[in-house]
Amino acid sequence: MKNLQKILTQITQLTTNIETNYPELYRFLDENPMTIPSMNHPHIDSKVMQDYLESLKQLLHHHLETHKAK
């Protein structure tokens, strides 16, 4: 359970960072396929949340790489 709480804290911090510093990217988070469950009652565990965290990190990294200040 501690691991899940740690992951959720990291997700919250990262999404807050994106919302604050990259609002142009934040609006696309709702469209992330990781947030759309394909079943009525999906099983959410540490692995699923860790995958979501990694997808957020990759999204931000890609955004930073493709929108570097000139």
Protein backbone atom coordinates (compact mmCIF):
# COMPACT_ATOMS: atom_id res chain seq x y z
CA MET A 1 0.00 0.00 0.00
CA LYS A 2 2.87 2.38 0.73
CA ASN A 3 4.19 1.85 -2.77
CA LEU A 4 0.81 2.75 -4.26
CA GLN A 5 0.63 5.89 -2.10
CA LYS A 6 4.11 6.89 -3.23
CA ILE A 7 3.15 6.42 -6.88
CA LEU A 8 -0.06 8.42 -6.43
CA THR A 9 1.92 11.22 -4.80
CA GLN A 10 4.32 11.27 -7.75
CA ILE A 11 1.42 11.34 -10.20
CA THR A 12 -0.14 14.25 -8.33
CA GLN A 13 3.13 16.18 -8.26
CA LEU A 14 3.79 15.57 -11.94
CA THR A 15 0.30 16.54 -13.07
CA THR A 16 0.47 19.67 -10.92
CA ASN A 17 3.80 20.54 -12.52
CA ILE A 18 2.33 20.01 -15.98
CA GLU A 19 -0.78 22.03 -15.14
CA THR A 20 1.28 24.91 -13.74
CA ASN A 21 4.21 25.02 -16.14
CA TYR A 22 2.88 23.43 -19.33
CA PRO A 23 -0.81 24.32 -19.64
CA GLU A 24 -0.66 23.63 -23.38
CA LEU A 25 0.17 20.02 -22.53
CA TYR A 26 -2.17 19.71 -19.55
CA ARG A 27 -5.29 19.93 -21.71
CA PHE A 28 -4.23 16.73 -23.50
CA LEU A 29 -4.08 14.62 -20.34
CA ASP A 30 -7.79 13.83 -20.59
CA GLU A 31 -7.11 12.28 -23.98
CA ASN A 32 -4.42 9.94 -22.68
CA PRO A 33 -5.51 6.34 -23.45
CA MET A 34 -4.17 5.26 -20.05
CA THR A 35 -6.99 7.18 -18.36
CA ILE A 36 -9.79 5.55 -20.35
CA PRO A 37 -10.72 2.17 -18.88
CA SER A 38 -11.92 -0.43 -21.33
CA MET A 39 -14.12 -2.16 -18.76
CA ASN A 40 -16.76 -1.06 -16.28
CA HIS A 41 -14.80 -1.92 -13.13
CA PRO A 42 -11.09 -1.95 -13.97
CA HIS A 43 -8.61 -3.38 -11.51
CA ILE A 44 -6.26 -0.63 -10.36
CA ASP A 45 -3.04 -1.65 -8.67
CA SER A 46 0.52 -0.40 -8.25
CA LYS A 47 1.56 -1.77 -11.64
CA VAL A 48 -1.23 0.04 -13.47
CA MET A 49 -0.51 3.29 -11.66
CA GLN A 50 3.24 2.95 -12.25
CA ASP A 51 2.55 2.49 -15.96
CA TYR A 52 0.41 5.62 -15.92
CA LEU A 53 3.15 7.56 -14.12
CA GLU A 54 5.67 6.45 -16.72
CA SER A 55 3.34 7.50 -19.53
CA LEU A 56 3.05 10.96 -17.97
CA LYS A 57 6.83 11.22 -17.70
CA GLN A 58 7.23 10.18 -21.33
CA LEU A 59 4.60 12.67 -22.43
CA LEU A 60 6.37 15.52 -20.64
CA HIS A 61 9.78 14.42 -21.90
CA HIS A 62 8.52 14.28 -25.48
CA HIS A 63 6.91 17.70 -25.11
CA LEU A 64 10.14 19.19 -23.77
CA GLU A 65 12.20 17.61 -26.54
CA THR A 66 9.91 18.80 -29.33
CA HIS A 67 9.27 22.28 -27.93
CA LYS A 68 12.72 23.36 -26.81
CA ALA A 69 13.16 27.10 -26.37
CA LYS A 70 14.87 28.58 -29.37
